[in-house]
């Protein structure tokens, strides 16, 4: 039997990671959620919801093909960005933490949770001032990462700084590069890209 997606808890966790990460990170670190389950029950539904928002916002403003194409590109770029961020963060933390895999998974997943909300709104409002504001707001994921790394006392300050810089840059850059490449490959009008 397929488990129903709990959107209420997804939004509650994302909101808490955005507004009160100092309280939420310790709770997240205490959980022992396998990677596949965290991906399927948190990140994927959040990304799919964001993608649906992109499609709806672009449908209101333009043609259907562009809206659907940009929504698909948004989903692919966000999930690819998450995967690359998770793998490289895990590689860096390997040998520095006993639970490198779980820590990298939580940092990438919950950091991306905050990023996805604003990034999708930015894509949906692309070409408008509000889209630019949302893109800047997506940088709030860096604060979420910073607080999450502060809750890891076993990781020394130098490594925390390195992980913060590396993870934040990957999180902000990989989806942008992927989106630009895919819009070029699929020849999506730049007005919506």
N, C-alpha and C. Protein backbone atom coordinates (compact mmCIF):
# COMPACT_ATOMS: atom_id res chain seq x y z
N UNK A 1 0.84 -1.18 0.00
CA UNK A 1 0.00 0.00 0.00
C UNK A 1 0.89 1.24 0.00
N UNK A 2 0.58 2.16 -0.87
CA UNK A 2 1.37 3.37 -1.00
C UNK A 2 0.99 4.36 0.10
N UNK A 3 2.01 4.93 0.75
CA UNK A 3 1.78 5.88 1.82
C UNK A 3 1.41 7.24 1.24
N UNK A 4 0.44 7.90 1.86
CA UNK A 4 -0.01 9.21 1.42
C UNK A 4 1.01 10.27 1.86
N UNK A 5 1.27 11.23 0.99
CA UNK A 5 2.22 12.30 1.29
C UNK A 5 1.60 13.24 2.33
N UNK A 6 2.37 13.55 3.36
CA UNK A 6 1.91 14.41 4.45
C UNK A 6 2.39 15.85 4.19
N UNK A 7 1.64 16.58 3.37
CA UNK A 7 2.05 17.94 3.00
C UNK A 7 2.08 18.88 4.21
N UNK A 8 1.22 18.63 5.17
CA UNK A 8 1.18 19.48 6.36
C UNK A 8 2.52 19.44 7.09
N UNK A 9 3.08 18.25 7.26
CA UNK A 9 4.38 18.13 7.94
C UNK A 9 5.53 18.64 7.08
N UNK A 10 5.41 18.47 5.76
CA UNK A 10 6.44 18.99 4.85
C UNK A 10 6.53 20.50 4.99
N UNK A 11 5.38 21.17 4.94
CA UNK A 11 5.38 22.63 5.05
C UNK A 11 5.77 23.09 6.44
N UNK A 12 5.36 22.33 7.47
CA UNK A 12 5.73 22.69 8.84
C UNK A 12 7.25 22.62 9.02
N UNK A 13 7.87 21.57 8.50
CA UNK A 13 9.33 21.44 8.62
C UNK A 13 10.03 22.53 7.83
N UNK A 14 9.56 22.81 6.63
CA UNK A 14 10.19 23.85 5.80
C UNK A 14 10.04 25.21 6.45
N UNK A 15 8.87 25.50 6.95
CA UNK A 15 8.63 26.78 7.63
C UNK A 15 9.52 26.91 8.87
N UNK A 16 9.63 25.84 9.63
CA UNK A 16 10.46 25.87 10.83
C UNK A 16 11.94 26.04 10.47
N UNK A 17 12.39 25.38 9.40
CA UNK A 17 13.78 25.54 8.97
C UNK A 17 14.06 26.96 8.49
N UNK A 18 13.04 27.62 7.98
CA UNK A 18 13.19 29.00 7.51
C UNK A 18 13.11 29.99 8.66
N UNK A 19 12.10 29.86 9.51
CA UNK A 19 11.83 30.87 10.53
C UNK A 19 12.48 30.61 11.88
N UNK A 20 12.69 29.36 12.24
CA UNK A 20 13.30 29.05 13.55
C UNK A 20 14.24 27.86 13.43
N UNK A 21 15.29 28.00 12.63
CA UNK A 21 16.19 26.86 12.42
C UNK A 21 16.94 26.42 13.67
N UNK A 22 17.18 27.32 14.61
CA UNK A 22 17.89 26.94 15.84
C UNK A 22 17.09 25.94 16.67
N UNK A 23 15.79 25.99 16.60
CA UNK A 23 14.95 25.01 17.29
C UNK A 23 14.74 23.76 16.46
N UNK A 24 14.70 23.92 15.14
CA UNK A 24 14.34 22.79 14.27
C UNK A 24 15.50 21.85 13.99
N UNK A 25 16.72 22.37 13.84
CA UNK A 25 17.85 21.50 13.51
C UNK A 25 18.11 20.41 14.57
N UNK A 26 18.10 20.74 15.87
CA UNK A 26 18.31 19.65 16.84
C UNK A 26 17.26 18.54 16.72
N UNK A 27 16.02 18.93 16.44
CA UNK A 27 14.97 17.92 16.26
C UNK A 27 15.24 17.08 15.01
N UNK A 28 15.69 17.73 13.95
CA UNK A 28 15.99 17.00 12.71
C UNK A 28 17.15 16.04 12.91
N UNK A 29 18.19 16.48 13.64
CA UNK A 29 19.35 15.62 13.85
C UNK A 29 19.01 14.39 14.71
N UNK A 30 17.99 14.50 15.56
CA UNK A 30 17.60 13.37 16.41
C UNK A 30 16.85 12.29 15.62
N UNK A 31 16.26 12.68 14.49
CA UNK A 31 15.52 11.73 13.67
C UNK A 31 16.51 10.84 12.93
N UNK A 32 16.09 9.64 12.67
CA UNK A 32 16.92 8.73 11.89
C UNK A 32 16.11 8.28 10.68
N UNK A 33 15.99 9.19 9.72
CA UNK A 33 15.19 8.92 8.53
C UNK A 33 16.13 8.45 7.41
N UNK A 34 15.88 7.28 6.84
CA UNK A 34 16.71 6.82 5.73
C UNK A 34 16.62 7.79 4.54
N UNK A 35 17.69 7.86 3.77
CA UNK A 35 17.78 8.79 2.66
C UNK A 35 16.65 8.65 1.65
N UNK A 36 16.32 7.43 1.30
CA UNK A 36 15.27 7.20 0.30
C UNK A 36 13.94 7.73 0.81
N UNK A 37 13.65 7.48 2.07
CA UNK A 37 12.39 7.93 2.63
C UNK A 37 12.34 9.46 2.74
N UNK A 38 13.44 10.08 3.16
CA UNK A 38 13.50 11.54 3.26
C UNK A 38 13.31 12.17 1.88
N UNK A 39 13.92 11.57 0.87
CA UNK A 39 13.77 12.06 -0.50
C UNK A 39 12.33 11.92 -0.97
N UNK A 40 11.75 10.74 -0.78
CA UNK A 40 10.41 10.45 -1.28
C UNK A 40 9.30 11.16 -0.50
N UNK A 41 9.49 11.35 0.80
CA UNK A 41 8.42 11.89 1.62
C UNK A 41 8.60 13.37 1.95
N UNK A 42 9.75 13.95 1.64
CA UNK A 42 9.94 15.38 1.92
C UNK A 42 10.36 16.14 0.66
N UNK A 43 11.53 15.83 0.14
CA UNK A 43 12.09 16.65 -0.94
C UNK A 43 11.30 16.54 -2.24
N UNK A 44 11.00 15.35 -2.67
CA UNK A 44 10.30 15.16 -3.94
C UNK A 44 8.90 15.81 -3.93
N UNK A 45 8.08 15.60 -2.89
CA UNK A 45 6.78 16.30 -2.89
C UNK A 45 6.92 17.82 -2.83
N UNK A 46 7.91 18.31 -2.10
CA UNK A 46 8.14 19.75 -2.03
C UNK A 46 8.55 20.30 -3.40
N UNK A 47 9.46 19.60 -4.06
CA UNK A 47 9.90 20.03 -5.40
C UNK A 47 8.75 19.94 -6.41
N UNK A 48 7.95 18.90 -6.32
CA UNK A 48 6.80 18.74 -7.23
C UNK A 48 5.77 19.84 -7.01
N UNK A 49 5.53 20.20 -5.77
CA UNK A 49 4.60 21.29 -5.46
C UNK A 49 5.13 22.61 -6.00
N UNK A 50 6.43 22.85 -5.80
CA UNK A 50 7.04 24.06 -6.34
C UNK A 50 6.97 24.11 -7.85
N UNK A 51 7.17 22.97 -8.47
CA UNK A 51 7.10 22.88 -9.92
C UNK A 51 5.68 23.16 -10.42
N UNK A 52 4.70 22.67 -9.70
CA UNK A 52 3.30 22.95 -10.06
C UNK A 52 3.02 24.45 -9.96
N UNK A 53 3.57 25.10 -8.96
CA UNK A 53 3.41 26.55 -8.82
C UNK A 53 4.04 27.28 -10.00
N UNK A 54 5.24 26.82 -10.40
CA UNK A 54 5.90 27.43 -11.57
C UNK A 54 4.99 27.31 -12.79
N UNK A 55 4.45 26.12 -13.02
CA UNK A 55 3.59 25.90 -14.18
C UNK A 55 2.35 26.80 -14.13
N UNK A 56 1.71 26.89 -12.99
CA UNK A 56 0.50 27.71 -12.86
C UNK A 56 0.81 29.18 -13.09
N UNK A 57 1.88 29.68 -12.45
CA UNK A 57 2.23 31.09 -12.62
C UNK A 57 2.60 31.42 -14.06
N UNK A 58 3.31 30.52 -14.72
CA UNK A 58 3.67 30.77 -16.11
C UNK A 58 2.48 30.58 -17.06
N UNK A 59 1.57 29.69 -16.73
CA UNK A 59 0.36 29.53 -17.55
C UNK A 59 -0.49 30.79 -17.53
N UNK A 60 -0.53 31.44 -16.39
CA UNK A 60 -1.30 32.68 -16.28
C UNK A 60 -0.73 33.75 -17.20
N UNK A 61 0.60 33.74 -17.37
CA UNK A 61 1.27 34.80 -18.13
C UNK A 61 1.55 34.45 -19.59
N UNK A 62 1.62 33.19 -19.93
CA UNK A 62 2.09 32.87 -21.28
C UNK A 62 1.45 31.64 -21.86
N UNK A 63 2.18 31.06 -22.82
CA UNK A 63 1.61 29.88 -23.49
C UNK A 63 1.88 28.60 -22.70
N UNK A 64 1.08 27.60 -22.99
CA UNK A 64 1.13 26.34 -22.25
C UNK A 64 2.43 25.58 -22.41
N UNK A 65 2.96 25.54 -23.64
CA UNK A 65 4.19 24.79 -23.88
C UNK A 65 5.35 25.35 -23.07
N UNK A 66 5.49 26.66 -23.04
CA UNK A 66 6.56 27.29 -22.28
C UNK A 66 6.40 27.02 -20.79
N UNK A 67 5.17 27.11 -20.30
CA UNK A 67 4.91 26.88 -18.88
C UNK A 67 5.27 25.45 -18.48
N UNK A 68 4.82 24.49 -19.26
CA UNK A 68 5.11 23.08 -18.95
C UNK A 68 6.61 22.80 -19.07
N UNK A 69 7.23 23.34 -20.10
CA UNK A 69 8.67 23.13 -20.31
C UNK A 69 9.49 23.72 -19.16
N UNK A 70 9.17 24.95 -18.78
CA UNK A 70 9.91 25.59 -17.69
C UNK A 70 9.68 24.88 -16.36
N UNK A 71 8.47 24.38 -16.14
CA UNK A 71 8.19 23.63 -14.92
C UNK A 71 9.01 22.35 -14.87
N UNK A 72 9.08 21.65 -15.99
CA UNK A 72 9.88 20.42 -16.04
C UNK A 72 11.36 20.73 -15.84
N UNK A 73 11.84 21.79 -16.46
CA UNK A 73 13.24 22.19 -16.30
C UNK A 73 13.51 22.57 -14.85
N UNK A 74 12.56 23.24 -14.22
CA UNK A 74 12.71 23.61 -12.81
C UNK A 74 12.87 22.36 -11.95
N UNK A 75 12.01 21.38 -12.15
CA UNK A 75 12.06 20.15 -11.36
C UNK A 75 13.39 19.42 -11.58
N UNK A 76 13.79 19.27 -12.82
CA UNK A 76 15.05 18.57 -13.13
C UNK A 76 16.24 19.30 -12.52
N UNK A 77 16.27 20.62 -12.64
CA UNK A 77 17.43 21.37 -12.14
C UNK A 77 17.51 21.34 -10.62
N UNK A 78 16.38 21.42 -9.95
CA UNK A 78 16.39 21.39 -8.49
C UNK A 78 16.82 20.02 -7.98
N UNK A 79 16.27 18.96 -8.57
CA UNK A 79 16.65 17.61 -8.11
C UNK A 79 18.09 17.28 -8.46
N UNK A 80 18.56 17.71 -9.62
CA UNK A 80 19.97 17.50 -9.98
C UNK A 80 20.87 18.28 -9.03
N UNK A 81 20.48 19.50 -8.73
CA UNK A 81 21.26 20.32 -7.80
C UNK A 81 21.34 19.69 -6.42
N UNK A 82 20.20 19.16 -5.94
CA UNK A 82 20.19 18.50 -4.64
C UNK A 82 21.13 17.30 -4.65
N UNK A 83 21.05 16.49 -5.70
CA UNK A 83 21.87 15.28 -5.76
C UNK A 83 23.36 15.62 -5.76
N UNK A 84 23.77 16.57 -6.58
CA UNK A 84 25.18 16.96 -6.64
C UNK A 84 25.63 17.54 -5.30
N UNK A 85 24.79 18.38 -4.71
CA UNK A 85 25.12 18.98 -3.41
C UNK A 85 25.28 17.91 -2.34
N UNK A 86 24.34 16.99 -2.29
CA UNK A 86 24.40 15.90 -1.30
C UNK A 86 25.66 15.07 -1.49
N UNK A 87 25.94 14.64 -2.71
CA UNK A 87 27.09 13.75 -2.95
C UNK A 87 28.42 14.43 -2.63
N UNK A 88 28.59 15.68 -3.05
CA UNK A 88 29.86 16.36 -2.79
C UNK A 88 30.01 16.72 -1.31
N UNK A 89 28.93 17.08 -0.66
CA UNK A 89 28.99 17.35 0.78
C UNK A 89 29.32 16.07 1.54
N UNK A 90 28.72 14.98 1.14
CA UNK A 90 29.02 13.69 1.78
C UNK A 90 30.49 13.30 1.58
N UNK A 91 30.99 13.51 0.37
CA UNK A 91 32.41 13.21 0.10
C UNK A 91 33.32 14.02 1.00
N UNK A 92 33.01 15.30 1.14
CA UNK A 92 33.85 16.16 1.97
C UNK A 92 33.79 15.74 3.44
N UNK A 93 32.61 15.41 3.93
CA UNK A 93 32.45 15.07 5.34
C UNK A 93 32.94 13.67 5.68
N UNK A 94 33.08 12.82 4.68
CA UNK A 94 33.52 11.45 4.92
C UNK A 94 34.89 11.45 5.60
N UNK A 95 34.99 10.79 6.73
CA UNK A 95 36.22 10.74 7.50
C UNK A 95 36.34 11.85 8.53
N UNK A 96 35.48 12.87 8.40
CA UNK A 96 35.50 13.97 9.35
C UNK A 96 34.39 13.84 10.39
N UNK A 97 33.37 13.08 10.03
CA UNK A 97 32.24 12.82 10.92
C UNK A 97 31.90 11.34 10.88
N UNK A 98 31.45 10.81 11.98
CA UNK A 98 31.05 9.41 12.00
C UNK A 98 29.77 9.17 11.21
N UNK A 99 28.91 10.16 11.19
CA UNK A 99 27.63 10.03 10.47
C UNK A 99 27.60 10.98 9.27
N UNK A 100 28.65 10.96 8.48
CA UNK A 100 28.78 11.89 7.34
C UNK A 100 27.62 11.76 6.36
N UNK A 101 27.20 10.55 6.11
CA UNK A 101 26.13 10.34 5.13
C UNK A 101 24.83 11.00 5.58
N UNK A 102 24.44 10.76 6.83
CA UNK A 102 23.19 11.32 7.34
C UNK A 102 23.27 12.84 7.47
N UNK A 103 24.41 13.34 7.92
CA UNK A 103 24.59 14.78 8.07
C UNK A 103 24.51 15.47 6.71
N UNK A 104 25.20 14.94 5.72
CA UNK A 104 25.16 15.52 4.37
C UNK A 104 23.75 15.46 3.81
N UNK A 105 23.06 14.37 4.07
CA UNK A 105 21.68 14.22 3.60
C UNK A 105 20.79 15.29 4.20
N UNK A 106 20.87 15.50 5.50
CA UNK A 106 20.04 16.50 6.16
C UNK A 106 20.39 17.91 5.72
N UNK A 107 21.68 18.22 5.63
CA UNK A 107 22.09 19.56 5.20
C UNK A 107 21.58 19.86 3.79
N UNK A 108 21.80 18.93 2.88
CA UNK A 108 21.38 19.14 1.50
C UNK A 108 19.85 19.19 1.39
N UNK A 109 19.17 18.27 2.05
CA UNK A 109 17.72 18.17 1.90
C UNK A 109 16.99 19.33 2.56
N UNK A 110 17.30 19.63 3.81
CA UNK A 110 16.58 20.71 4.48
C UNK A 110 17.03 22.09 3.98
N UNK A 111 18.27 22.22 3.58
CA UNK A 111 18.72 23.45 2.95
C UNK A 111 17.98 23.67 1.64
N UNK A 112 17.86 22.61 0.85
CA UNK A 112 17.12 22.70 -0.41
C UNK A 112 15.64 22.94 -0.17
N UNK A 113 15.11 22.46 0.94
CA UNK A 113 13.70 22.71 1.25
C UNK A 113 13.41 24.20 1.29
N UNK A 114 14.29 24.96 1.93
CA UNK A 114 14.13 26.41 1.99
C UNK A 114 14.38 27.01 0.61
N UNK A 115 15.41 26.53 -0.07
CA UNK A 115 15.76 27.06 -1.39
C UNK A 115 14.63 26.87 -2.41
N UNK A 116 14.03 25.69 -2.41
CA UNK A 116 13.01 25.34 -3.40
C UNK A 116 11.83 26.32 -3.37
N UNK A 117 11.39 26.67 -2.17
CA UNK A 117 10.23 27.55 -2.04
C UNK A 117 10.46 28.85 -2.81
N UNK A 118 11.57 29.50 -2.56
CA UNK A 118 11.83 30.80 -3.18
C UNK A 118 12.29 30.68 -4.62
N UNK A 119 13.03 29.64 -4.92
CA UNK A 119 13.51 29.44 -6.29
C UNK A 119 12.34 29.20 -7.25
N UNK A 120 11.38 28.40 -6.82
CA UNK A 120 10.22 28.12 -7.67
C UNK A 120 9.38 29.38 -7.87
N UNK A 121 9.21 30.16 -6.82
CA UNK A 121 8.49 31.42 -6.98
C UNK A 121 9.24 32.36 -7.92
N UNK A 122 10.56 32.35 -7.81
CA UNK A 122 11.38 33.17 -8.71
C UNK A 122 11.18 32.74 -10.16
N UNK A 123 11.18 31.45 -10.41
CA UNK A 123 10.95 30.96 -11.78
C UNK A 123 9.54 31.29 -12.26
N UNK A 124 8.57 31.17 -11.37
CA UNK A 124 7.19 31.47 -11.75
C UNK A 124 6.97 32.93 -12.09
N UNK A 125 7.69 33.80 -11.39
CA UNK A 125 7.57 35.25 -11.64
C UNK A 125 8.75 35.77 -12.45
N UNK A 126 9.40 34.90 -13.23
CA UNK A 126 10.59 35.34 -13.98
C UNK A 126 10.25 36.51 -14.89
N UNK A 127 11.22 37.40 -15.02
CA UNK A 127 11.03 38.58 -15.85
C UNK A 127 10.34 39.72 -15.13
N UNK A 128 10.00 39.52 -13.87
CA UNK A 128 9.34 40.56 -13.08
C UNK A 128 10.17 40.86 -11.84
N UNK A 129 9.94 42.01 -11.26
CA UNK A 129 10.66 42.41 -10.05
C UNK A 129 10.44 41.40 -8.92
N UNK A 130 9.23 40.90 -8.78
CA UNK A 130 8.93 39.94 -7.72
C UNK A 130 9.77 38.67 -7.88
N UNK A 131 10.02 38.25 -9.11
CA UNK A 131 10.88 37.10 -9.36
C UNK A 131 12.30 37.35 -8.88
N UNK A 132 12.79 38.55 -9.08
CA UNK A 132 14.14 38.90 -8.62
C UNK A 132 14.20 38.93 -7.09
N UNK A 133 13.15 39.43 -6.47
CA UNK A 133 13.09 39.45 -5.01
C UNK A 133 13.10 38.01 -4.47
N UNK A 134 12.35 37.13 -5.10
CA UNK A 134 12.30 35.74 -4.67
C UNK A 134 13.65 35.05 -4.86
N UNK A 135 14.36 35.39 -5.93
CA UNK A 135 15.68 34.80 -6.15
C UNK A 135 16.65 35.22 -5.05
N UNK A 136 16.58 36.48 -4.65
CA UNK A 136 17.43 36.94 -3.54
C UNK A 136 17.00 36.26 -2.24
N UNK A 137 15.70 36.08 -2.04
CA UNK A 137 15.21 35.41 -0.83
C UNK A 137 15.66 33.95 -0.77
N UNK A 138 15.93 33.35 -1.93
CA UNK A 138 16.40 31.95 -1.92
C UNK A 138 17.74 31.82 -1.21
N UNK A 139 18.45 32.92 -1.04
CA UNK A 139 19.72 32.90 -0.32
C UNK A 139 19.52 32.63 1.18
N UNK A 140 18.28 32.65 1.65
CA UNK A 140 18.01 32.31 3.04
C UNK A 140 18.40 30.87 3.36
N UNK A 141 18.53 30.05 2.33
CA UNK A 141 18.97 28.67 2.55
C UNK A 141 20.37 28.64 3.17
N UNK A 142 21.17 29.66 2.92
CA UNK A 142 22.52 29.72 3.49
C UNK A 142 22.43 29.86 5.01
N UNK A 143 21.48 30.64 5.48
CA UNK A 143 21.30 30.77 6.93
C UNK A 143 20.87 29.44 7.55
N UNK A 144 19.98 28.75 6.86
CA UNK A 144 19.54 27.44 7.34
C UNK A 144 20.73 26.48 7.43
N UNK A 145 21.59 26.48 6.42
CA UNK A 145 22.79 25.63 6.45
C UNK A 145 23.72 26.04 7.59
N UNK A 146 23.93 27.34 7.75
CA UNK A 146 24.82 27.85 8.79
C UNK A 146 24.37 27.37 10.17
N UNK A 147 23.10 27.51 10.46
CA UNK A 147 22.58 27.08 11.75
C UNK A 147 22.68 25.57 11.89
N UNK A 148 22.39 24.84 10.81
CA UNK A 148 22.51 23.39 10.86
C UNK A 148 23.94 22.93 11.16
N UNK A 149 24.90 23.63 10.59
CA UNK A 149 26.31 23.29 10.86
C UNK A 149 26.73 23.67 12.26
N UNK A 150 26.16 24.72 12.82
CA UNK A 150 26.46 25.11 14.20
C UNK A 150 26.05 24.04 15.19
N UNK A 151 25.06 23.24 14.83
CA UNK A 151 24.57 22.20 15.74
C UNK A 151 25.43 20.94 15.69
N UNK A 152 26.55 21.00 14.98
CA UNK A 152 27.46 19.85 14.88
C UNK A 152 28.76 20.15 15.62
N UNK A 153 28.79 20.01 16.94
CA UNK A 153 30.00 20.35 17.70
C UNK A 153 31.20 19.45 17.37
N UNK A 154 30.95 18.25 16.87
CA UNK A 154 32.05 17.33 16.55
C UNK A 154 32.82 17.75 15.29
N UNK A 155 32.29 18.71 14.55
CA UNK A 155 32.95 19.20 13.35
C UNK A 155 33.65 20.51 13.71
N UNK A 156 34.97 20.56 13.48
CA UNK A 156 35.69 21.78 13.88
C UNK A 156 35.30 22.97 13.01
N UNK A 157 35.63 24.16 13.49
CA UNK A 157 35.19 25.41 12.84
C UNK A 157 35.67 25.51 11.39
N UNK A 158 36.90 25.09 11.13
CA UNK A 158 37.43 25.16 9.76
C UNK A 158 36.59 24.31 8.81
N UNK A 159 36.29 23.09 9.22
CA UNK A 159 35.49 22.20 8.38
C UNK A 159 34.06 22.71 8.24
N UNK A 160 33.51 23.29 9.31
CA UNK A 160 32.16 23.85 9.22
C UNK A 160 32.12 24.97 8.19
N UNK A 161 33.12 25.85 8.22
CA UNK A 161 33.17 26.94 7.24
C UNK A 161 33.30 26.40 5.82
N UNK A 162 34.16 25.41 5.64
CA UNK A 162 34.34 24.81 4.31
C UNK A 162 33.05 24.18 3.80
N UNK A 163 32.37 23.45 4.68
CA UNK A 163 31.11 22.81 4.28
C UNK A 163 30.06 23.87 3.95
N UNK A 164 29.99 24.91 4.76
CA UNK A 164 29.02 25.97 4.51
C UNK A 164 29.24 26.61 3.15
N UNK A 165 30.47 26.99 2.86
CA UNK A 165 30.78 27.64 1.58
C UNK A 165 30.51 26.70 0.42
N UNK A 166 31.02 25.47 0.51
CA UNK A 166 30.85 24.51 -0.58
C UNK A 166 29.38 24.18 -0.82
N UNK A 167 28.67 23.87 0.23
CA UNK A 167 27.27 23.47 0.10
C UNK A 167 26.41 24.62 -0.40
N UNK A 168 26.64 25.81 0.15
CA UNK A 168 25.85 26.97 -0.27
C UNK A 168 26.09 27.30 -1.74
N UNK A 169 27.34 27.29 -2.15
CA UNK A 169 27.65 27.60 -3.56
C UNK A 169 27.02 26.55 -4.47
N UNK A 170 27.16 25.29 -4.12
CA UNK A 170 26.55 24.23 -4.94
C UNK A 170 25.04 24.39 -5.00
N UNK A 171 24.43 24.67 -3.87
CA UNK A 171 22.98 24.78 -3.79
C UNK A 171 22.46 25.94 -4.64
N UNK A 172 23.19 27.02 -4.69
CA UNK A 172 22.74 28.20 -5.41
C UNK A 172 23.13 28.18 -6.89
N UNK A 173 24.21 27.48 -7.23
CA UNK A 173 24.75 27.56 -8.59
C UNK A 173 24.29 26.40 -9.49
N UNK A 174 24.28 25.19 -8.98
CA UNK A 174 23.97 24.02 -9.81
C UNK A 174 22.58 24.14 -10.47
N UNK A 175 21.52 24.47 -9.72
CA UNK A 175 20.22 24.60 -10.40
C UNK A 175 20.20 25.72 -11.44
N UNK A 176 20.88 26.82 -11.16
CA UNK A 176 20.90 27.93 -12.12
C UNK A 176 21.60 27.51 -13.42
N UNK A 177 22.72 26.83 -13.29
CA UNK A 177 23.44 26.36 -14.48
C UNK A 177 22.61 25.34 -15.24
N UNK A 178 22.02 24.40 -14.51
CA UNK A 178 21.20 23.37 -15.15
C UNK A 178 20.01 24.00 -15.88
N UNK A 179 19.36 24.97 -15.26
CA UNK A 179 18.23 25.64 -15.91
C UNK A 179 18.66 26.33 -17.20
N UNK A 180 19.76 27.05 -17.13
CA UNK A 180 20.22 27.77 -18.32
C UNK A 180 20.57 26.81 -19.44
N UNK A 181 21.27 25.74 -19.12
CA UNK A 181 21.63 24.76 -20.14
C UNK A 181 20.40 24.11 -20.76
N UNK A 182 19.45 23.74 -19.93
CA UNK A 182 18.24 23.09 -20.44
C UNK A 182 17.37 24.05 -21.25
N UNK A 183 17.32 25.32 -20.88
CA UNK A 183 16.55 26.27 -21.69
C UNK A 183 17.20 26.48 -23.05
N UNK A 184 18.53 26.40 -23.08
CA UNK A 184 19.23 26.51 -24.37
C UNK A 184 19.00 25.27 -25.21
N UNK A 185 19.15 24.10 -24.60
CA UNK A 185 18.99 22.84 -25.32
C UNK A 185 17.57 22.71 -25.88
N UNK A 186 16.57 23.07 -25.08
CA UNK A 186 15.18 22.92 -25.52
C UNK A 186 14.61 24.19 -26.14
N UNK A 187 15.45 25.18 -26.31
CA UNK A 187 15.09 26.44 -26.98
C UNK A 187 13.83 27.08 -26.41
N UNK A 188 13.84 27.24 -25.12
CA UNK A 188 12.75 27.92 -24.45
C UNK A 188 13.00 29.42 -24.59
N UNK A 189 12.00 30.21 -24.91
CA UNK A 189 12.21 31.66 -25.06
C UNK A 189 12.84 32.26 -23.80
N UNK A 190 13.83 33.11 -23.97
CA UNK A 190 14.56 33.66 -22.84
C UNK A 190 13.70 34.59 -21.98
N UNK A 191 12.59 35.04 -22.48
CA UNK A 191 11.70 35.87 -21.69
C UNK A 191 11.28 35.13 -20.43
N UNK A 192 11.12 33.80 -20.52
CA UNK A 192 10.66 33.01 -19.38
C UNK A 192 11.81 32.29 -18.70
N UNK A 193 13.02 32.37 -19.18
CA UNK A 193 14.13 31.59 -18.63
C UNK A 193 14.81 32.31 -17.50
